[in-house]
C-alpha atoms as a PDB file:
ATOM      1  CA  MET A   1       0.003  -0.069   0.012  1.00  0.00           C
ATOM      2  CA  SER A   2       1.541   3.419  -1.007  1.00  0.00           C
ATOM      3  CA  ARG A   3       1.922   6.199   1.507  1.00  0.00           C
ATOM      4  CA  ASP A   4      -0.676   8.302  -0.194  1.00  0.00           C
ATOM      5  CA  ILE A   5      -3.397   5.558  -0.093  1.00  0.00           C
ATOM      6  CA  ALA A   6      -2.586   4.866   3.606  1.00  0.00           C
ATOM      7  CA  ALA A   7      -2.737   8.534   4.555  1.00  0.00           C
ATOM      8  CA  GLY A   8      -6.122   8.773   2.737  1.00  0.00           C
ATOM      9  CA  ILE A   9      -7.572   5.826   4.774  1.00  0.00           C
ATOM     10  CA  VAL A  10      -6.329   7.343   7.962  1.00  0.00           C
ATOM     11  CA  THR A  11      -7.861  10.725   6.914  1.00  0.00           C
ATOM     12  CA  MET A  12     -11.194   9.202   6.102  1.00  0.00           C
ATOM     13  CA  THR A  13     -11.328   7.140   9.187  1.00  0.00           C
ATOM     14  CA  LEU A  14     -10.614  10.137  11.449  1.00  0.00           C
ATOM     15  CA  CYS A  15     -13.454  12.149   9.550  1.00  0.00           C
ATOM     16  CA  LEU A  16     -15.727   9.320  10.476  1.00  0.00           C
ATOM     17  CA  VAL A  17     -14.577   9.346  14.041  1.00  0.00           C
ATOM     18  CA  ILE A  18     -15.139  13.126  14.419  1.00  0.00           C
ATOM     19  CA  GLN A  19     -18.735  12.737  13.158  1.00  0.00           C
ATOM     20  CA  VAL A  20     -19.738  10.130  15.525  1.00  0.00           C
ATOM     21  CA  SER A  21     -17.380  10.889  18.478  1.00  0.00           C
ATOM     22  CA  PRO A  22     -18.855  11.314  22.039  1.00  0.00           C
ATOM     23  CA  ALA A  23     -18.445  14.334  24.163  1.00  0.00           C
ATOM     24  CA  TYR A  24     -15.332  13.069  25.819  1.00  0.00           C
ATOM     25  CA  ALA A  25     -16.298  14.670  29.060  1.00  0.00           C
ATOM     26  CA  GLY A  26     -15.956  11.885  31.449  1.00  0.00           C
ATOM     27  CA  ASN A  27     -12.992  10.372  33.406  1.00  0.00           C
ATOM     28  CA  ASP A  28     -11.666   8.388  30.542  1.00  0.00           C
ATOM     29  CA  SER A  29     -10.211  11.441  28.558  1.00  0.00           C
ATOM     30  CA  LEU A  30      -7.333  13.986  28.382  1.00  0.00           C
ATOM     31  CA  LEU A  31      -7.811  17.380  27.147  1.00  0.00           C
ATOM     32  CA  VAL A  32      -4.840  19.194  25.389  1.00  0.00           C
ATOM     33  CA  LEU A  33      -5.095  22.834  24.320  1.00  0.00           C
ATOM     34  CA  PHE A  34      -2.988  25.141  22.107  1.00  0.00           C
ATOM     35  CA  TRP A  35      -3.255  28.861  21.701  1.00  0.00           C
ATOM     36  CA  ASN A  36      -1.113  31.601  20.266  1.00  0.00           C
ATOM     37  CA  LEU A  37      -1.532  34.495  22.595  1.00  0.00           C
ATOM     38  CA  GLU A  38      -0.314  37.176  20.241  1.00  0.00           C
ATOM     39  CA  ASN A  39       2.282  39.355  21.590  1.00  0.00           C
ATOM     40  CA  PHE A  40       1.990  38.459  25.301  1.00  0.00           C
ATOM     41  CA  PHE A  41       4.704  40.689  26.842  1.00  0.00           C
ATOM     42  CA  ASP A  42       5.070  41.823  30.350  1.00  0.00           C
ATOM     43  CA  TRP A  43       4.687  45.536  30.876  1.00  0.00           C
ATOM     44  CA  ARG A  44       8.335  46.108  31.706  1.00  0.00           C
ATOM     45  CA  ASP A  45      11.109  47.272  29.355  1.00  0.00           C
ATOM     46  CA  SER A  46      14.035  45.049  30.162  1.00  0.00           C
ATOM     47  CA  GLY A  47      16.102  46.310  27.141  1.00  0.00           C
ATOM     48  CA  ALA A  48      15.696  43.080  25.329  1.00  0.00           C
ATOM     49  CA  GLY A  49      14.715  44.745  21.940  1.00  0.00           C
ATOM     50  CA  ASP A  50      12.266  46.817  20.087  1.00  0.00           C
ATOM     51  CA  SER A  51       9.160  44.563  20.709  1.00  0.00           C
ATOM     52  CA  ASP A  52      10.089  44.547  24.523  1.00  0.00           C
ATOM     53  CA  ARG A  53      10.180  48.343  24.428  1.00  0.00           C
ATOM     54  CA  GLU A  54       6.974  48.526  22.216  1.00  0.00           C
ATOM     55  CA  PHE A  55       4.992  46.514  24.690  1.00  0.00           C
ATOM     56  CA  SER A  56       5.847  48.318  27.838  1.00  0.00           C
ATOM     57  CA  SER A  57       4.259  51.014  30.137  1.00  0.00           C
ATOM     58  CA  PHE A  58       5.942  53.840  28.352  1.00  0.00           C
ATOM     59  CA  GLY A  59       6.313  52.270  24.935  1.00  0.00           C
ATOM     60  CA  GLU A  60       4.347  52.976  21.913  1.00  0.00           C
ATOM     61  CA  ARG A  61       1.586  50.449  22.972  1.00  0.00           C
ATOM     62  CA  ARG A  62       1.214  51.786  26.481  1.00  0.00           C
ATOM     63  CA  TRP A  63       1.131  48.208  27.719  1.00  0.00           C
ATOM     64  CA  THR A  64       0.510  48.781  31.391  1.00  0.00           C
ATOM     65  CA  LYS A  65       0.479  46.453  34.348  1.00  0.00           C
ATOM     66  CA  GLY A  66      -3.424  46.768  34.453  1.00  0.00           C
ATOM     67  CA  ARG A  67      -3.722  45.716  30.890  1.00  0.00           C
ATOM     68  CA  PHE A  68      -1.370  42.856  31.419  1.00  0.00           C
ATOM     69  CA  TYR A  69      -3.352  41.312  34.136  1.00  0.00           C
ATOM     70  CA  THR A  70      -6.615  41.927  32.420  1.00  0.00           C
ATOM     71  CA  LYS A  71      -5.136  39.635  29.592  1.00  0.00           C
ATOM     72  CA  CYS A  72      -3.993  37.092  32.121  1.00  0.00           C
ATOM     73  CA  ASN A  73      -7.403  36.937  33.556  1.00  0.00           C
ATOM     74  CA  ALA A  74      -8.961  36.621  30.028  1.00  0.00           C
ATOM     75  CA  VAL A  75      -6.849  33.785  29.114  1.00  0.00           C
ATOM     76  CA  ALA A  76      -7.731  32.078  32.444  1.00  0.00           C
ATOM     77  CA  LYS A  77     -11.484  32.699  31.874  1.00  0.00           C
ATOM     78  CA  ALA A  78     -11.015  30.996  28.500  1.00  0.00           C
ATOM     79  CA  LEU A  79      -9.598  27.882  30.183  1.00  0.00           C
ATOM     80  CA  LEU A  80     -12.206  27.872  32.725  1.00  0.00           C
ATOM     81  CA  TRP A  81     -14.925  28.013  29.982  1.00  0.00           C
ATOM     82  CA  THR A  82     -13.223  25.136  28.421  1.00  0.00           C
ATOM     83  CA  GLY A  83     -13.274  23.146  31.743  1.00  0.00           C
ATOM     84  CA  SER A  84     -16.993  23.897  32.088  1.00  0.00           C
ATOM     85  CA  ARG A  85     -17.900  23.002  28.407  1.00  0.00           C
ATOM     86  CA  TYR A  86     -15.871  19.804  28.068  1.00  0.00           C
ATOM     87  CA  GLY A  87     -16.097  18.390  31.628  1.00  0.00           C
ATOM     88  CA  ARG A  88     -12.417  18.875  32.733  1.00  0.00           C
ATOM     89  CA  MET A  89      -9.762  21.567  32.612  1.00  0.00           C
ATOM     90  CA  PRO A  90      -7.125  21.231  30.042  1.00  0.00           C
ATOM     91  CA  ASP A  91      -4.595  18.732  31.342  1.00  0.00           C
ATOM     92  CA  VAL A  92      -1.824  20.226  29.093  1.00  0.00           C
ATOM     93  CA  ALA A  93      -1.766  23.513  27.295  1.00  0.00           C
ATOM     94  CA  GLY A  94       0.735  24.926  24.928  1.00  0.00           C
ATOM     95  CA  PHE A  95       1.177  28.612  24.247  1.00  0.00           C
ATOM     96  CA  ALA A  96       2.884  30.668  21.513  1.00  0.00           C
ATOM     97  CA  GLU A  97       4.031  34.278  21.675  1.00  0.00           C
ATOM     98  CA  VAL A  98       4.766  34.585  25.415  1.00  0.00           C
ATOM     99  CA  GLU A  99       7.669  36.691  26.362  1.00  0.00           C
ATOM    100  CA  ASN A 100       9.082  34.905  29.252  1.00  0.00           C
ATOM    101  CA  GLY A 101       8.483  32.726  32.352  1.00  0.00           C
ATOM    102  CA  PHE A 102       6.969  35.659  34.377  1.00  0.00           C
ATOM    103  CA  VAL A 103       4.263  35.944  31.810  1.00  0.00           C
ATOM    104  CA  LEU A 104       3.468  32.182  31.916  1.00  0.00           C
ATOM    105  CA  ASN A 105       3.473  32.024  35.723  1.00  0.00           C
ATOM    106  CA  SER A 106       1.393  35.056  35.967  1.00  0.00           C
ATOM    107  CA  ILE A 107      -1.295  33.170  33.890  1.00  0.00           C
ATOM    108  CA  ILE A 108      -1.340  30.173  36.132  1.00  0.00           C
ATOM    109  CA  LYS A 109      -0.439  31.614  39.496  1.00  0.00           C
ATOM    110  CA  SER A 110      -2.142  34.966  39.626  1.00  0.00           C
ATOM    111  CA  THR A 111      -5.546  34.077  38.187  1.00  0.00           C
ATOM    112  CA  ALA A 112      -8.230  31.613  39.039  1.00  0.00           C
ATOM    113  CA  LEU A 113      -6.079  28.794  37.536  1.00  0.00           C
ATOM    114  CA  ARG A 114      -3.899  28.840  40.571  1.00  0.00           C
ATOM    115  CA  LYS A 115      -6.225  26.378  42.306  1.00  0.00           C
ATOM    116  CA  TYR A 116      -5.868  23.794  39.452  1.00  0.00           C
ATOM    117  CA  GLY A 117      -2.276  23.035  40.122  1.00  0.00           C
ATOM    118  CA  TYR A 118      -0.583  23.924  36.749  1.00  0.00           C
ATOM    119  CA  GLU A 119       3.250  23.760  36.483  1.00  0.00           C
ATOM    120  CA  ALA A 120       5.069  25.666  33.713  1.00  0.00           C
ATOM    121  CA  VAL A 121       7.732  24.745  31.205  1.00  0.00           C
ATOM    122  CA  HIS A 122       9.543  27.640  29.365  1.00  0.00           C
ATOM    123  CA  TYR A 123      13.055  28.319  27.972  1.00  0.00           C
ATOM    124  CA  ASP A 124      14.044  31.604  26.293  1.00  0.00           C
ATOM    125  CA  SER A 125      14.622  31.204  22.522  1.00  0.00           C
ATOM    126  CA  PRO A 126      16.693  33.423  20.005  1.00  0.00           C
ATOM    127  CA  ASP A 127      13.621  34.746  18.180  1.00  0.00           C
ATOM    128  CA  PRO A 128      14.334  38.419  17.409  1.00  0.00           C
ATOM    129  CA  ARG A 129      10.981  39.546  18.667  1.00  0.00           C
ATOM    130  CA  GLY A 130      11.541  38.026  22.161  1.00  0.00           C
ATOM    131  CA  ILE A 131       8.666  35.664  21.936  1.00  0.00           C
ATOM    132  CA  ASP A 132       8.718  31.879  22.704  1.00  0.00           C
ATOM    133  CA  VAL A 133       6.580  28.813  22.999  1.00  0.00           C
ATOM    134  CA  ALA A 134       5.693  27.353  26.415  1.00  0.00           C
ATOM    135  CA  LEU A 135       3.763  24.562  28.038  1.00  0.00           C
ATOM    136  CA  VAL A 136       1.800  24.076  31.365  1.00  0.00           C
ATOM    137  CA  TYR A 137       0.512  20.762  32.612  1.00  0.00           C
ATOM    138  CA  ARG A 138      -1.556  19.666  35.708  1.00  0.00           C
ATOM    139  CA  LYS A 139       0.464  18.155  38.482  1.00  0.00           C
ATOM    140  CA  GLU A 140      -2.269  15.966  39.471  1.00  0.00           C
ATOM    141  CA  ILE A 141      -2.386  14.198  36.219  1.00  0.00           C
ATOM    142  CA  PHE A 142       1.195  14.368  34.800  1.00  0.00           C
ATOM    143  CA  GLN A 143       4.716  14.350  36.200  1.00  0.00           C
ATOM    144  CA  LYS A 144       7.555  15.904  34.136  1.00  0.00           C
ATOM    145  CA  ILE A 145      10.179  13.491  32.986  1.00  0.00           C
ATOM    146  CA  SER A 146      12.274  15.699  30.987  1.00  0.00           C
ATOM    147  CA  ALA A 147      12.062  18.950  28.998  1.00  0.00           C
ATOM    148  CA  ARG A 148      14.387  20.978  26.529  1.00  0.00           C
ATOM    149  CA  PRO A 149      14.421  23.411  23.758  1.00  0.00           C
ATOM    150  CA  VAL A 150      15.216  22.198  20.278  1.00  0.00           C
ATOM    151  CA  ARG A 151      16.970  24.884  18.165  1.00  0.00           C
ATOM    152  CA  VAL A 152      15.824  25.168  14.509  1.00  0.00           C
ATOM    153  CA  PRO A 153      18.899  25.645  12.191  1.00  0.00           C
ATOM    154  CA  GLY A 154      19.347  29.139  10.817  1.00  0.00           C
ATOM    155  CA  ARG A 155      20.546  28.451   7.403  1.00  0.00           C
ATOM    156  CA  PRO A 156      17.976  26.252   5.722  1.00  0.00           C
ATOM    157  CA  GLU A 157      18.465  24.209   2.501  1.00  0.00           C
ATOM    158  CA  TYR A 158      16.533  25.246  -0.598  1.00  0.00           C
ATOM    159  CA  ASP A 159      16.742  25.419  -4.273  1.00  0.00           C
ATOM    160  CA  GLY A 160      16.481  29.167  -4.747  1.00  0.00           C
ATOM    161  CA  ASP A 161      19.325  31.599  -5.601  1.00  0.00           C
ATOM    162  CA  ALA A 162      22.089  31.090  -3.078  1.00  0.00           C
ATOM    163  CA  GLY A 163      23.217  34.596  -3.167  1.00  0.00           C
ATOM    164  CA  SER A 164      26.592  36.286  -2.882  1.00  0.00           C
ATOM    165  CA  SER A 165      27.264  34.488   0.481  1.00  0.00           C
ATOM    166  CA  GLY A 166      26.913  31.096  -1.085  1.00  0.00           C
ATOM    167  CA  GLY A 167      23.722  30.104   0.904  1.00  0.00           C
ATOM    168  CA  PRO A 168      20.468  31.356   1.984  1.00  0.00           C
ATOM    169  CA  ALA A 169      20.608  34.135   4.658  1.00  0.00           C
ATOM    170  CA  PRO A 170      20.722  32.893   8.263  1.00  0.00           C
ATOM    171  CA  PHE A 171      17.604  33.498  10.415  1.00  0.00           C
ATOM    172  CA  LEU A 172      16.560  33.321  14.017  1.00  0.00           C
ATOM    173  CA  THR A 173      13.395  31.780  15.170  1.00  0.00           C
ATOM    174  CA  ARG A 174      11.601  30.152  17.994  1.00  0.00           C
ATOM    175  CA  ASP A 175      12.806  27.093  19.576  1.00  0.00           C
ATOM    176  CA  ILE A 176      10.546  23.895  19.368  1.00  0.00           C
ATOM    177  CA  LEU A 177       9.771  22.887  23.084  1.00  0.00           C
ATOM    178  CA  TYR A 178       9.967  19.218  23.948  1.00  0.00           C
ATOM    179  CA  VAL A 179       8.552  17.901  27.203  1.00  0.00           C
ATOM    180  CA  ALA A 180       8.062  14.360  28.262  1.00  0.00           C
ATOM    181  CA  LEU A 181       5.410  13.822  30.749  1.00  0.00           C
ATOM    182  CA  GLU A 182       4.621  10.593  32.795  1.00  0.00           C
ATOM    183  CA  HIS A 183       0.716  10.014  32.928  1.00  0.00           C
ATOM    184  CA  PHE A 184       0.027   9.002  36.416  1.00  0.00           C
ATOM    185  CA  PRO A 185      -2.902   6.825  35.886  1.00  0.00           C
ATOM    186  CA  SER A 186      -1.528   4.513  33.102  1.00  0.00           C
ATOM    187  CA  GLY A 187       2.251   5.076  33.823  1.00  0.00           C
ATOM    188  CA  GLU A 188       2.782   5.860  30.135  1.00  0.00           C
ATOM    189  CA  THR A 189       5.144   8.597  28.966  1.00  0.00           C
ATOM    190  CA  TRP A 190       3.525  11.267  26.664  1.00  0.00           C
ATOM    191  CA  HIS A 191       5.770  13.250  24.477  1.00  0.00           C
ATOM    192  CA  PHE A 192       4.631  16.854  23.601  1.00  0.00           C
ATOM    193  CA  LEU A 193       6.178  19.296  21.093  1.00  0.00           C
ATOM    194  CA  VAL A 194       5.195  22.881  21.032  1.00  0.00           C
ATOM    195  CA  ASN A 195       5.848  24.792  17.744  1.00  0.00           C
ATOM    196  CA  HIS A 196       5.673  28.299  16.307  1.00  0.00           C
ATOM    197  CA  HIS A 197       7.221  28.085  12.913  1.00  0.00           C
ATOM    198  CA  PRO A 198       8.509  31.013  10.899  1.00  0.00           C
ATOM    199  CA  SER A 199       5.719  33.364   9.276  1.00  0.00           C
ATOM    200  CA  LYS A 200       5.271  34.127   5.747  1.00  0.00           C
ATOM    201  CA  PHE A 201       6.869  37.553   6.235  1.00  0.00           C
ATOM    202  CA  GLY A 202       8.891  38.409   2.969  1.00  0.00           C
ATOM    203  CA  GLY A 203       6.750  36.099   0.724  1.00  0.00           C
ATOM    204  CA  GLU A 204       6.557  32.504   0.147  1.00  0.00           C
ATOM    205  CA  GLU A 205       9.916  32.001  -1.648  1.00  0.00           C
ATOM    206  CA  VAL A 206      11.710  33.501   1.217  1.00  0.00           C
ATOM    207  CA  SER A 207       9.822  32.040   4.123  1.00  0.00           C
ATOM    208  CA  ALA A 208       8.810  28.518   2.906  1.00  0.00           C
ATOM    209  CA  PRO A 209      12.441  27.213   3.453  1.00  0.00           C
ATOM    210  CA  LYS A 210      12.377  28.436   6.992  1.00  0.00           C
ATOM    211  CA  ARG A 211       9.159  26.625   7.827  1.00  0.00           C
ATOM    212  CA  LYS A 212      10.575  23.483   6.069  1.00  0.00           C
ATOM    213  CA  ALA A 213      13.591  23.807   8.298  1.00  0.00           C
ATOM    214  CA  ALA A 214      11.358  24.040  11.406  1.00  0.00           C
ATOM    215  CA  MET A 215       9.115  20.932  10.209  1.00  0.00           C
ATOM    216  CA  ASP A 216      12.305  18.921   9.396  1.00  0.00           C
ATOM    217  CA  VAL A 217      13.414  19.527  13.005  1.00  0.00           C
ATOM    218  CA  MET A 218      10.064  18.490  14.456  1.00  0.00           C
ATOM    219  CA  VAL A 219       9.823  15.342  12.458  1.00  0.00           C
ATOM    220  CA  SER A 220      13.472  14.389  13.472  1.00  0.00           C
ATOM    221  CA  VAL A 221      12.546  14.652  16.993  1.00  0.00           C
ATOM    222  CA  CYS A 222       9.437  12.498  16.543  1.00  0.00           C
ATOM    223  CA  ASP A 223      11.507   9.979  14.740  1.00  0.00           C
ATOM    224  CA  SER A 224      14.170   9.756  17.461  1.00  0.00           C
ATOM    225  CA  ILE A 225      11.261   9.294  20.147  1.00  0.00           C
ATOM    226  CA  CYS A 226       9.847   6.496  17.982  1.00  0.00           C
ATOM    227  CA  SER A 227      13.401   4.899  17.570  1.00  0.00           C
ATOM    228  CA  ALA A 228      13.895   4.856  21.245  1.00  0.00           C
ATOM    229  CA  SER A 229      10.651   2.869  21.774  1.00  0.00           C
ATOM    230  CA  ALA A 230      11.318  -0.243  19.811  1.00  0.00           C
ATOM    231  CA  ASP A 231       8.245  -2.207  21.243  1.00  0.00           C
ATOM    232  CA  ARG A 232       5.496   0.192  20.432  1.00  0.00           C
ATOM    233  CA  ILE A 233       4.643   3.516  18.804  1.00  0.00           C
ATOM    234  CA  PRO A 234       4.689   6.022  21.547  1.00  0.00           C
ATOM    235  CA  GLU A 235       2.179   8.765  22.407  1.00  0.00           C
ATOM    236  CA  ILE A 236       3.363  11.828  20.621  1.00  0.00           C
ATOM    237  CA  VAL A 237       1.436  15.187  20.445  1.00  0.00           C
ATOM    238  CA  CYS A 238       2.862  18.011  18.252  1.00  0.00           C
ATOM    239  CA  MET A 239       0.925  21.169  18.598  1.00  0.00           C
ATOM    240  CA  GLY A 240       1.449  24.733  17.434  1.00  0.00           C
ATOM    241  CA  ASP A 241       1.199  27.583  14.890  1.00  0.00           C
ATOM    242  CA  PHE A 242       2.460  26.274  11.864  1.00  0.00           C
ATOM    243  CA  ASN A 243       1.976  29.427   9.674  1.00  0.00           C
ATOM    244  CA  ASP A 244       0.788  27.102   6.846  1.00  0.00           C
ATOM    245  CA  THR A 245      -2.590  25.287   6.111  1.00  0.00           C
ATOM    246  CA  PRO A 246      -3.008  21.546   6.078  1.00  0.00           C
ATOM    247  CA  ASP A 247      -2.999  21.441   2.344  1.00  0.00           C
ATOM    248  CA  SER A 248       0.815  22.521   2.231  1.00  0.00           C
ATOM    249  CA  HIS A 249       3.171  20.058   1.007  1.00  0.00           C
ATOM    250  CA  LEU A 250       5.022  20.292   4.397  1.00  0.00           C
ATOM    251  CA  PHE A 251       2.291  18.242   6.066  1.00  0.00           C
ATOM    252  CA  LYS A 252       2.633  15.251   3.639  1.00  0.00           C
ATOM    253  CA  PHE A 253       3.529  12.805   6.509  1.00  0.00           C
ATOM    254  CA  ASP A 254       3.681   8.899   6.400  1.00  0.00           C
ATOM    255  CA  ALA A 255       0.244   8.000   8.015  1.00  0.00           C
ATOM    256  CA  SER A 256       1.967   5.169   9.914  1.00  0.00           C
ATOM    257  CA  PHE A 257       4.201   7.820  11.575  1.00  0.00           C
ATOM    258  CA  LEU A 258       2.369  11.017  11.963  1.00  0.00           C
ATOM    259  CA  VAL A 259      -1.314  12.097  11.572  1.00  0.00           C
ATOM    260  CA  ASN A 260      -2.488  15.799  11.001  1.00  0.00           C
ATOM    261  CA  MET A 261      -5.745  16.084  13.041  1.00  0.00           C
ATOM    262  CA  ALA A 262      -6.726  19.309  11.381  1.00  0.00           C
ATOM    263  CA  ASP A 263      -7.172  17.682   8.044  1.00  0.00           C
ATOM    264  CA  CYS A 264     -10.984  17.303   8.312  1.00  0.00           C
ATOM    265  CA  LEU A 265     -11.456  20.739   9.844  1.00  0.00           C
ATOM    266  CA  HIS A 266      -9.685  22.281   6.961  1.00  0.00           C
ATOM    267  CA  GLU A 267     -11.910  20.509   4.522  1.00  0.00           C
ATOM    268  CA  GLN A 268     -14.859  21.930   6.326  1.00  0.00           C
ATOM    269  CA  GLY A 269     -13.632  25.372   5.873  1.00  0.00           C
ATOM    270  CA  LYS A 270     -12.865  25.892   9.606  1.00  0.00           C
ATOM    271  CA  GLY A 271     -10.143  28.162  10.689  1.00  0.00           C
ATOM    272  CA  THR A 272      -8.295  29.746  13.706  1.00  0.00           C
ATOM    273  CA  ILE A 273      -7.346  33.070  12.155  1.00  0.00           C
ATOM    274  CA  ARG A 274      -9.186  35.431   9.785  1.00  0.00           C
ATOM    275  CA  TYR A 275      -7.367  37.335   6.989  1.00  0.00           C
ATOM    276  CA  GLN A 276      -9.292  39.481   4.717  1.00  0.00           C
ATOM    277  CA  GLY A 277     -12.613  37.813   5.609  1.00  0.00           C
ATOM    278  CA  LYS A 278     -11.360  34.244   5.141  1.00  0.00           C
ATOM    279  CA  ARG A 279     -10.744  31.773   7.746  1.00  0.00           C
ATOM    280  CA  GLU A 280      -7.260  29.950   7.685  1.00  0.00           C
ATOM    281  CA  LEU A 281      -6.415  26.947   9.684  1.00  0.00           C
ATOM    282  CA  ILE A 282      -2.813  27.379  10.843  1.00  0.00           C
ATOM    283  CA  ASP A 283      -2.998  26.008  14.403  1.00  0.00           C
ATOM    284  CA  MET A 284      -2.891  22.294  14.490  1.00  0.00           C
ATOM    285  CA  PHE A 285      -2.304  19.118  16.281  1.00  0.00           C
ATOM    286  CA  ILE A 286      -0.171  16.505  14.650  1.00  0.00           C
ATOM    287  CA  VAL A 287       0.077  13.314  16.580  1.00  0.00           C
ATOM    288  CA  SER A 288       1.363   9.697  16.376  1.00  0.00           C
ATOM    289  CA  PRO A 289      -1.246   7.082  15.211  1.00  0.00           C
ATOM    290  CA  PRO A 290      -2.111   5.615  18.828  1.00  0.00           C
ATOM    291  CA  VAL A 291      -3.247   9.220  19.775  1.00  0.00           C
ATOM    292  CA  ALA A 292      -5.011   9.787  16.450  1.00  0.00           C
ATOM    293  CA  VAL A 293      -7.316   6.795  16.683  1.00  0.00           C
ATOM    294  CA  ASP A 294      -9.123   7.910  19.743  1.00  0.00           C
ATOM    295  CA  SER A 295      -8.822  11.646  19.377  1.00  0.00           C
ATOM    296  CA  GLU A 296     -10.705  14.552  17.933  1.00  0.00           C
ATOM    297  CA  MET A 297      -9.492  18.106  17.270  1.00  0.00           C
ATOM    298  CA  VAL A 298     -12.002  20.919  17.669  1.00  0.00           C
ATOM    299  CA  ILE A 299     -11.909  24.764  17.576  1.00  0.00           C
ATOM    300  CA  PRO A 300     -14.025  25.678  20.596  1.00  0.00           C
ATOM    301  CA  ASP A 301     -16.533  28.353  20.194  1.00  0.00           C
ATOM    302  CA  ILE A 302     -15.683  30.556  23.094  1.00  0.00           C
ATOM    303  CA  PRO A 303     -18.093  33.576  22.835  1.00  0.00           C
ATOM    304  CA  PHE A 304     -16.081  36.213  24.371  1.00  0.00           C
ATOM    305  CA  LEU A 305     -12.965  35.638  22.204  1.00  0.00           C
ATOM    306  CA  THR A 306     -14.675  36.691  18.972  1.00  0.00           C
ATOM    307  CA  VAL A 307     -16.425  39.880  17.849  1.00  0.00           C
ATOM    308  CA  PRO A 308     -18.251  40.844  14.586  1.00  0.00           C
ATOM    309  CA  ASP A 309     -16.029  41.509  11.543  1.00  0.00           C
ATOM    310  CA  THR A 310     -17.197  44.993  10.393  1.00  0.00           C
ATOM    311  CA  ALA A 311     -15.533  44.656   7.195  1.00  0.00           C
ATOM    312  CA  HIS A 312     -16.712  41.321   6.280  1.00  0.00           C
ATOM    313  CA  SER A 313     -19.576  38.893   7.327  1.00  0.00           C
ATOM    314  CA  GLY A 314     -19.101  36.641  10.336  1.00  0.00           C
ATOM    315  CA  GLU A 315     -16.988  36.651  13.384  1.00  0.00           C
ATOM    316  CA  LYS A 316     -13.166  37.277  13.866  1.00  0.00           C
ATOM    317  CA  PRO A 317     -10.887  36.876  16.869  1.00  0.00           C
ATOM    318  CA  PHE A 318     -10.836  39.564  19.430  1.00  0.00           C
ATOM    319  CA  ARG A 319      -7.442  40.962  19.374  1.00  0.00           C
ATOM    320  CA  THR A 320      -5.712  42.964  22.312  1.00  0.00           C
ATOM    321  CA  TYR A 321      -4.901  45.860  19.889  1.00  0.00           C
ATOM    322  CA  SER A 322      -6.504  47.108  16.688  1.00  0.00           C
ATOM    323  CA  GLY A 323      -3.451  48.586  15.032  1.00  0.00           C
ATOM    324  CA  PRO A 324      -1.899  50.825  17.663  1.00  0.00           C
ATOM    325  CA  ARG A 325      -5.311  51.092  19.735  1.00  0.00           C
ATOM    326  CA  TYR A 326      -5.979  49.132  22.708  1.00  0.00           C
ATOM    327  CA  ILE A 327      -9.294  47.278  22.410  1.00  0.00           C
ATOM    328  CA  GLY A 328      -8.918  44.771  25.225  1.00  0.00           C
ATOM    329  CA  GLY A 329      -9.170  41.458  23.477  1.00  0.00           C
ATOM    330  CA  VAL A 330      -6.730  38.386  23.833  1.00  0.00           C
ATOM    331  CA  SER A 331      -5.516  37.254  20.486  1.00  0.00           C
ATOM    332  CA  ASP A 332      -5.869  37.194  16.642  1.00  0.00           C
ATOM    333  CA  HIS A 333      -5.896  33.427  16.895  1.00  0.00           C
ATOM    334  CA  CYS A 334      -8.703  31.046  18.258  1.00  0.00           C
ATOM    335  CA  PRO A 335      -7.506  28.318  20.698  1.00  0.00           C
ATOM    336  CA  ILE A 336      -7.587  24.626  19.688  1.00  0.00           C
ATOM    337  CA  LEU A 337      -8.395  21.492  21.523  1.00  0.00           C
ATOM    338  CA  LEU A 338      -7.412  17.900  21.171  1.00  0.00           C
ATOM    339  CA  LYS A 339      -9.960  15.565  22.940  1.00  0.00           C
ATOM    340  CA  ILE A 340      -8.323  12.246  23.695  1.00  0.00           C
ATOM    341  CA  LYS A 341     -10.012   9.146  24.723  1.00  0.00           C
ATOM    342  CA  ILE A 342      -8.013   7.313  27.336  1.00  0.00           C
ATOM    343  CA  ALA A 343      -8.642   5.061  30.341  1.00  0.00           C
ATOM    344  CA  LEU A 344      -8.087   6.921  33.736  1.00  0.00           C
ATOM    345  CA  SER A 345      -7.939   5.187  36.969  1.00  0.00           C
ATOM    346  CA  GLU A 346     -11.000   5.574  39.214  1.00  0.00           C
ATOM    347  CA  ASP A 347      -9.561   7.888  41.738  1.00  0.00           C
ATOM    348  CA  ILE A 348      -9.035  10.703  39.274  1.00  0.00           C
ATOM    349  CA  GLY A 349     -12.099  13.039  39.380  1.00  0.00           C
ATOM    350  CA  ILE A 350     -13.345  15.276  36.653  1.00  0.00           C
ATOM    351  CA  PHE A 351     -10.890  18.058  37.716  1.00  0.00           C
ATOM    352  CA  GLY A 352      -8.117  15.674  38.942  1.00  0.00           C
ATOM    353  CA  ARG A 353      -7.591  14.198  42.515  1.00  0.00           C
END
């Protein structure tokens, strides 16, 4: 059987699962969230660069302490809404575009989320804007085994004009965050990779090799995880803002290795961002087959995260700023959820032990 045929069979199977899947709200499930929080800086100018200065109390955006904590509480409110709607708080949440560990810990320690026992994982990356990816997990459900940032090489291979330097220009981008967590009830190790791949700034010809470099690194890490688990295919969940839609050639995975859970939503015209009135799905979960079989990706319809699109019909994400003007929203991205069917031990309640 060819890879294309195998991938098609898996995709059709997943579409059928999505159409008939249950609510996944009981004790036999896990809930994973990913959300690009759009320029979530603290309010202090630490001298780290132009973006750090811009998003500070005296910078161009007038990003004050009050506005900062308003956004922290809005993020927390979205997670609490998710817990109410789906019957459990997210067990794991990945974030993109957070400035530092202080921002991450402010979300989980200074809001109503503090009573749910989240632990943060974050490393500073070389991104020129000073934004990173991060992950939080519930200590009642998971225990951290290991974590590390994975560097994306800054000189991608491509077929374009090499230029006078003899190769494509170097670039800096976000690291990929790898976190291995032990699932208490089952004792199984789950592998999470949080991604924020390079944007399309500069055009497709310039930017596509950068995204390919990031994707190659992610796939390589997944391959290493599988190679280290010779007896079975491990549980792998890659999540992130990939800055490309599922129909891109970058997502042509071997279906026996990785499955893109966003394929069916893309076919239905769903999206996590809205550009010129059109929805685009660039935030995704890409998982190993054991996870894909009993999982469903959804874009939750959280009412306070969208506003009417006055230039086009429909709704659009409620951003923190409209141009330079503060409007009090959260992000230009909608969060995504992965609902995973799994057997949990009886001593784990809806919101943990």
